[in-house]
Every structure is written in structure tokens, then in C-alpha cells.
């Protein structure tokens, strides 16, 4: 996991519309960069829908919301359409950003060990610096906790 105060690693990935997106495209505005496991799983869906429900409040603060998982562009497109997600979802099948942000970790479930994405949120300031790191976030409260943080 990266620490606050570090330069946020830049990346170039494709969004749910198949367009290239770079983190550096967002310089000058705050970015909520959240990493999640998979489209259409219960926790990830609750988390995405909570961000969607709060999206106007984030926009009102000139804050961009970006979700990243290793799902395909097509999967993201279906997920965004099904749940009317108004923010950017980035596809990272090669784990470029996922590994750069140190969220690809060993997980244990029912005694089985596998690799997966640790549900983590980074708040990146307008200068591209990591302002806050939120590890092991809860899907239902992640968006509300970020808003509370942003509102002081």
C-alpha cells in the first residue's frame, strides 16, 4: 500500500467507453481512486452504487471519481449501464495500476489462498500527490466516509 505524501503513480488505461484515460488528465482537481475486485459482485456493486448516489456531491466539489478493477472494458460497460454509474471505470487486466498502487495482495477464503485486489481508496490532490489512503474500506460506507473527510 502506498502512503500519503507520495506522488501518485500515473497510468494509462481504457474506460468503459473504450477511451484512453490517464491519471495525469485530472491534474488540477481532486481524484477519488478506488480499487475493487469485480464488477457485479455484491460488495462491489453496493460500493459503486453508493458512489453513484453521491456523485452530484462529488461533482459539486470538483472531485473526479474513478473505479479500477481488472475486469474488461466490455464488463465495465455492462456494469455501468446496468447500475447507471456516472463516473469513470477503468479496465486494468494487466494489473498496471493495481500493482503500482500496491493493492494486488494474497487473500485467504475458506483456507484457499489466491491473489486479488484489496478494496482500497486513494484520495489524490490536484497536484497528483496522494493525500489520503483508505485501506480495507467497507462498500456501504466508503463514499460517505470520503464525503465526510472532504467536508472537514
C-alpha atoms as a PDB file:
ATOM      1  CA  UNK A   1       0.000   0.000   0.000  1.00  0.00           C
ATOM      2  CA  UNK A   2       1.309   3.422  -0.898  1.00  0.00           C
ATOM      3  CA  UNK A   3       1.451   6.158   1.728  1.00  0.00           C
ATOM      4  CA  UNK A   4       0.024   9.663   1.833  1.00  0.00           C
ATOM      5  CA  UNK A   5       2.517  12.293   0.718  1.00  0.00           C
ATOM      6  CA  UNK A   6       3.845  10.256  -2.216  1.00  0.00           C
ATOM      7  CA  UNK A   7       3.423  11.177  -5.876  1.00  0.00           C
ATOM      8  CA  UNK A   8       0.502   9.148  -7.241  1.00  0.00           C
ATOM      9  CA  UNK A   9       1.746   6.777  -9.960  1.00  0.00           C
ATOM     10  CA  UNK A  10       0.431   7.837 -13.357  1.00  0.00           C
ATOM     11  CA  UNK A  11      -1.164   5.255 -15.631  1.00  0.00           C
ATOM     12  CA  UNK A  12      -2.999   4.959 -18.917  1.00  0.00           C
ATOM     13  CA  UNK A  13      -5.983   2.589 -19.017  1.00  0.00           C
ATOM     14  CA  UNK A  14      -9.198   2.200 -21.021  1.00  0.00           C
ATOM     15  CA  UNK A  15     -12.559   3.260 -19.580  1.00  0.00           C
ATOM     16  CA  UNK A  16     -15.973   1.634 -20.023  1.00  0.00           C
ATOM     17  CA  UNK A  17     -16.394   3.508 -23.334  1.00  0.00           C
ATOM     18  CA  UNK A  18     -13.087   2.210 -24.714  1.00  0.00           C
ATOM     19  CA  UNK A  19     -11.361   5.596 -24.377  1.00  0.00           C
ATOM     20  CA  UNK A  20      -7.842   6.039 -23.030  1.00  0.00           C
ATOM     21  CA  UNK A  21      -7.690   7.736 -19.644  1.00  0.00           C
ATOM     22  CA  UNK A  22      -4.567   8.903 -17.827  1.00  0.00           C
ATOM     23  CA  UNK A  23      -4.478   9.872 -14.192  1.00  0.00           C
ATOM     24  CA  UNK A  24      -2.489  12.931 -15.266  1.00  0.00           C
ATOM     25  CA  UNK A  25      -5.559  14.054 -17.288  1.00  0.00           C
ATOM     26  CA  UNK A  26      -7.063  15.024 -13.916  1.00  0.00           C
ATOM     27  CA  UNK A  27      -4.277  17.314 -12.675  1.00  0.00           C
ATOM     28  CA  UNK A  28      -5.837  20.388 -11.103  1.00  0.00           C
ATOM     29  CA  UNK A  29      -8.697  18.511  -9.497  1.00  0.00           C
ATOM     30  CA  UNK A  30      -9.012  16.075  -6.625  1.00  0.00           C
ATOM     31  CA  UNK A  31      -9.476  12.414  -7.576  1.00  0.00           C
ATOM     32  CA  UNK A  32     -11.091   9.586  -5.660  1.00  0.00           C
ATOM     33  CA  UNK A  33      -9.333   6.478  -6.979  1.00  0.00           C
ATOM     34  CA  UNK A  34     -10.952   3.329  -5.693  1.00  0.00           C
ATOM     35  CA  UNK A  35      -9.833  -0.218  -6.396  1.00  0.00           C
ATOM     36  CA  UNK A  36     -12.328  -3.074  -6.271  1.00  0.00           C
ATOM     37  CA  UNK A  37     -12.368  -6.795  -7.038  1.00  0.00           C
ATOM     38  CA  UNK A  38     -15.001  -7.449  -9.689  1.00  0.00           C
ATOM     39  CA  UNK A  39     -17.991  -5.990 -11.466  1.00  0.00           C
ATOM     40  CA  UNK A  40     -21.412  -7.258 -10.366  1.00  0.00           C
ATOM     41  CA  UNK A  41     -20.322  -8.863  -7.105  1.00  0.00           C
ATOM     42  CA  UNK A  42     -22.498  -7.869  -4.125  1.00  0.00           C
ATOM     43  CA  UNK A  43     -19.949  -5.732  -2.252  1.00  0.00           C
ATOM     44  CA  UNK A  44     -18.507  -4.078  -5.347  1.00  0.00           C
ATOM     45  CA  UNK A  45     -21.996  -3.290  -6.639  1.00  0.00           C
ATOM     46  CA  UNK A  46     -23.003  -1.699  -3.310  1.00  0.00           C
ATOM     47  CA  UNK A  47     -19.805   0.357  -3.317  1.00  0.00           C
ATOM     48  CA  UNK A  48     -20.281   1.558  -6.911  1.00  0.00           C
ATOM     49  CA  UNK A  49     -23.951   2.396  -6.318  1.00  0.00           C
ATOM     50  CA  UNK A  50     -23.021   4.396  -3.201  1.00  0.00           C
ATOM     51  CA  UNK A  51     -20.549   6.426  -5.274  1.00  0.00           C
ATOM     52  CA  UNK A  52     -23.245   6.909  -7.933  1.00  0.00           C
ATOM     53  CA  UNK A  53     -25.754   8.105  -5.312  1.00  0.00           C
ATOM     54  CA  UNK A  54     -23.227  10.679  -4.046  1.00  0.00           C
ATOM     55  CA  UNK A  55     -21.862  11.593  -7.461  1.00  0.00           C
ATOM     56  CA  UNK A  56     -23.511  15.035  -7.659  1.00  0.00           C
ATOM     57  CA  UNK A  57     -21.979  15.962  -4.314  1.00  0.00           C
ATOM     58  CA  UNK A  58     -18.520  14.904  -5.534  1.00  0.00           C
ATOM     59  CA  UNK A  59     -19.001  16.854  -8.772  1.00  0.00           C
ATOM     60  CA  UNK A  60     -20.121  19.883  -6.782  1.00  0.00           C
ATOM     61  CA  UNK A  61     -16.733  19.781  -5.049  1.00  0.00           C
ATOM     62  CA  UNK A  62     -14.943  19.356  -8.427  1.00  0.00           C
ATOM     63  CA  UNK A  63     -13.846  15.853  -7.414  1.00  0.00           C
ATOM     64  CA  UNK A  64     -13.463  13.079 -10.004  1.00  0.00           C
ATOM     65  CA  UNK A  65     -14.437   9.513  -9.088  1.00  0.00           C
ATOM     66  CA  UNK A  66     -12.569   6.654 -10.765  1.00  0.00           C
ATOM     67  CA  UNK A  67     -13.075   2.944 -10.087  1.00  0.00           C
ATOM     68  CA  UNK A  68     -10.463   0.393 -11.180  1.00  0.00           C
ATOM     69  CA  UNK A  69     -10.652  -3.383 -11.409  1.00  0.00           C
ATOM     70  CA  UNK A  70      -9.109  -5.987 -13.682  1.00  0.00           C
ATOM     71  CA  UNK A  71     -12.434  -6.553 -15.466  1.00  0.00           C
ATOM     72  CA  UNK A  72     -12.626  -5.946 -19.220  1.00  0.00           C
ATOM     73  CA  UNK A  73     -13.889  -2.788 -20.911  1.00  0.00           C
ATOM     74  CA  UNK A  74     -16.986  -4.743 -22.017  1.00  0.00           C
ATOM     75  CA  UNK A  75     -17.681  -5.905 -18.453  1.00  0.00           C
ATOM     76  CA  UNK A  76     -17.326  -2.317 -17.190  1.00  0.00           C
ATOM     77  CA  UNK A  77     -19.695  -1.066 -19.902  1.00  0.00           C
ATOM     78  CA  UNK A  78     -22.384  -3.560 -18.874  1.00  0.00           C
ATOM     79  CA  UNK A  79     -21.826  -2.856 -15.156  1.00  0.00           C
ATOM     80  CA  UNK A  80     -22.029   0.928 -15.663  1.00  0.00           C
ATOM     81  CA  UNK A  81     -25.154   0.648 -17.820  1.00  0.00           C
ATOM     82  CA  UNK A  82     -26.925  -1.815 -15.523  1.00  0.00           C
ATOM     83  CA  UNK A  83     -26.389   0.349 -12.428  1.00  0.00           C
ATOM     84  CA  UNK A  84     -26.371   3.780 -14.151  1.00  0.00           C
ATOM     85  CA  UNK A  85     -22.867   4.587 -12.920  1.00  0.00           C
ATOM     86  CA  UNK A  86     -21.994   8.155 -13.989  1.00  0.00           C
ATOM     87  CA  UNK A  87     -18.276   8.002 -13.233  1.00  0.00           C
ATOM     88  CA  UNK A  88     -15.207   6.505 -14.893  1.00  0.00           C
ATOM     89  CA  UNK A  89     -14.486   2.777 -14.571  1.00  0.00           C
ATOM     90  CA  UNK A  90     -11.048   1.713 -15.764  1.00  0.00           C
ATOM     91  CA  UNK A  91     -10.071  -1.727 -17.008  1.00  0.00           C
ATOM     92  CA  UNK A  92      -6.719  -2.986 -15.721  1.00  0.00           C
ATOM     93  CA  UNK A  93      -6.380  -6.616 -16.895  1.00  0.00           C
ATOM     94  CA  UNK A  94      -2.568  -6.340 -16.969  1.00  0.00           C
ATOM     95  CA  UNK A  95      -2.579  -5.054 -13.346  1.00  0.00           C
ATOM     96  CA  UNK A  96      -0.661  -1.902 -14.332  1.00  0.00           C
ATOM     97  CA  UNK A  97      -2.322   0.467 -11.832  1.00  0.00           C
ATOM     98  CA  UNK A  98      -3.367  -2.281  -9.421  1.00  0.00           C
ATOM     99  CA  UNK A  99       0.274  -3.247  -8.851  1.00  0.00           C
ATOM    100  CA  UNK A 100       1.570   0.344  -8.984  1.00  0.00           C
ATOM    101  CA  UNK A 101      -0.777   1.207  -6.118  1.00  0.00           C
ATOM    102  CA  UNK A 102       0.200  -1.975  -4.257  1.00  0.00           C
ATOM    103  CA  UNK A 103      -3.327  -3.377  -3.937  1.00  0.00           C
ATOM    104  CA  UNK A 104      -2.671  -6.791  -5.558  1.00  0.00           C
ATOM    105  CA  UNK A 105      -2.426  -8.980  -2.467  1.00  0.00           C
ATOM    106  CA  UNK A 106      -2.666 -12.520  -1.219  1.00  0.00           C
ATOM    107  CA  UNK A 107      -6.161 -13.332   0.024  1.00  0.00           C
ATOM    108  CA  UNK A 108      -7.449 -16.271   2.039  1.00  0.00           C
ATOM    109  CA  UNK A 109     -11.012 -17.520   1.758  1.00  0.00           C
ATOM    110  CA  UNK A 110     -12.130 -20.744   3.440  1.00  0.00           C
ATOM    111  CA  UNK A 111      -8.499 -21.845   3.676  1.00  0.00           C
ATOM    112  CA  UNK A 112      -7.837 -21.274  -0.023  1.00  0.00           C
ATOM    113  CA  UNK A 113      -5.087 -18.788  -0.884  1.00  0.00           C
ATOM    114  CA  UNK A 114      -5.316 -16.688  -4.042  1.00  0.00           C
ATOM    115  CA  UNK A 115      -4.273 -13.281  -5.337  1.00  0.00           C
ATOM    116  CA  UNK A 116      -6.780 -10.461  -5.591  1.00  0.00           C
ATOM    117  CA  UNK A 117      -7.460  -6.756  -5.241  1.00  0.00           C
ATOM    118  CA  UNK A 118      -7.560  -5.304  -1.735  1.00  0.00           C
ATOM    119  CA  UNK A 119     -10.538  -2.932  -1.580  1.00  0.00           C
ATOM    120  CA  UNK A 120      -8.642   0.355  -1.166  1.00  0.00           C
ATOM    121  CA  UNK A 121      -9.374   4.015  -1.861  1.00  0.00           C
ATOM    122  CA  UNK A 122      -6.836   6.743  -2.534  1.00  0.00           C
ATOM    123  CA  UNK A 123      -7.622  10.453  -2.432  1.00  0.00           C
ATOM    124  CA  UNK A 124      -5.267  12.271  -4.798  1.00  0.00           C
ATOM    125  CA  UNK A 125      -4.915  16.053  -4.642  1.00  0.00           C
ATOM    126  CA  UNK A 126      -4.864  18.448  -7.577  1.00  0.00           C
ATOM    127  CA  UNK A 127      -1.063  18.264  -7.766  1.00  0.00           C
ATOM    128  CA  UNK A 128      -1.100  14.492  -8.237  1.00  0.00           C
ATOM    129  CA  UNK A 129       0.002  13.702  -4.682  1.00  0.00           C
ATOM    130  CA  UNK A 130      -1.614  11.024  -2.527  1.00  0.00           C
ATOM    131  CA  UNK A 131      -3.494  12.971   0.129  1.00  0.00           C
ATOM    132  CA  UNK A 132      -5.154  10.082   1.980  1.00  0.00           C
ATOM    133  CA  UNK A 133      -5.143   6.285   1.862  1.00  0.00           C
ATOM    134  CA  UNK A 134      -8.176   4.306   2.998  1.00  0.00           C
ATOM    135  CA  UNK A 135      -7.371   0.574   3.240  1.00  0.00           C
ATOM    136  CA  UNK A 136      -9.939  -2.177   3.797  1.00  0.00           C
ATOM    137  CA  UNK A 137     -12.867   0.143   3.107  1.00  0.00           C
ATOM    138  CA  UNK A 138     -16.444  -1.002   3.657  1.00  0.00           C
ATOM    139  CA  UNK A 139     -18.516  -0.983   0.453  1.00  0.00           C
ATOM    140  CA  UNK A 140     -21.578   0.573   2.088  1.00  0.00           C
ATOM    141  CA  UNK A 141     -19.776   3.474   3.782  1.00  0.00           C
ATOM    142  CA  UNK A 142     -16.770   4.261   1.562  1.00  0.00           C
ATOM    143  CA  UNK A 143     -18.417   7.102  -0.388  1.00  0.00           C
ATOM    144  CA  UNK A 144     -19.985   8.649   2.748  1.00  0.00           C
ATOM    145  CA  UNK A 145     -16.682   8.471   4.641  1.00  0.00           C
ATOM    146  CA  UNK A 146     -14.886  10.253   1.799  1.00  0.00           C
ATOM    147  CA  UNK A 147     -17.533  12.982   1.694  1.00  0.00           C
ATOM    148  CA  UNK A 148     -17.210  13.440   5.462  1.00  0.00           C
ATOM    149  CA  UNK A 149     -13.439  13.726   5.049  1.00  0.00           C
ATOM    150  CA  UNK A 150     -13.770  16.259   2.200  1.00  0.00           C
ATOM    151  CA  UNK A 151     -16.252  18.337   4.171  1.00  0.00           C
ATOM    152  CA  UNK A 152     -13.832  18.561   7.068  1.00  0.00           C
END
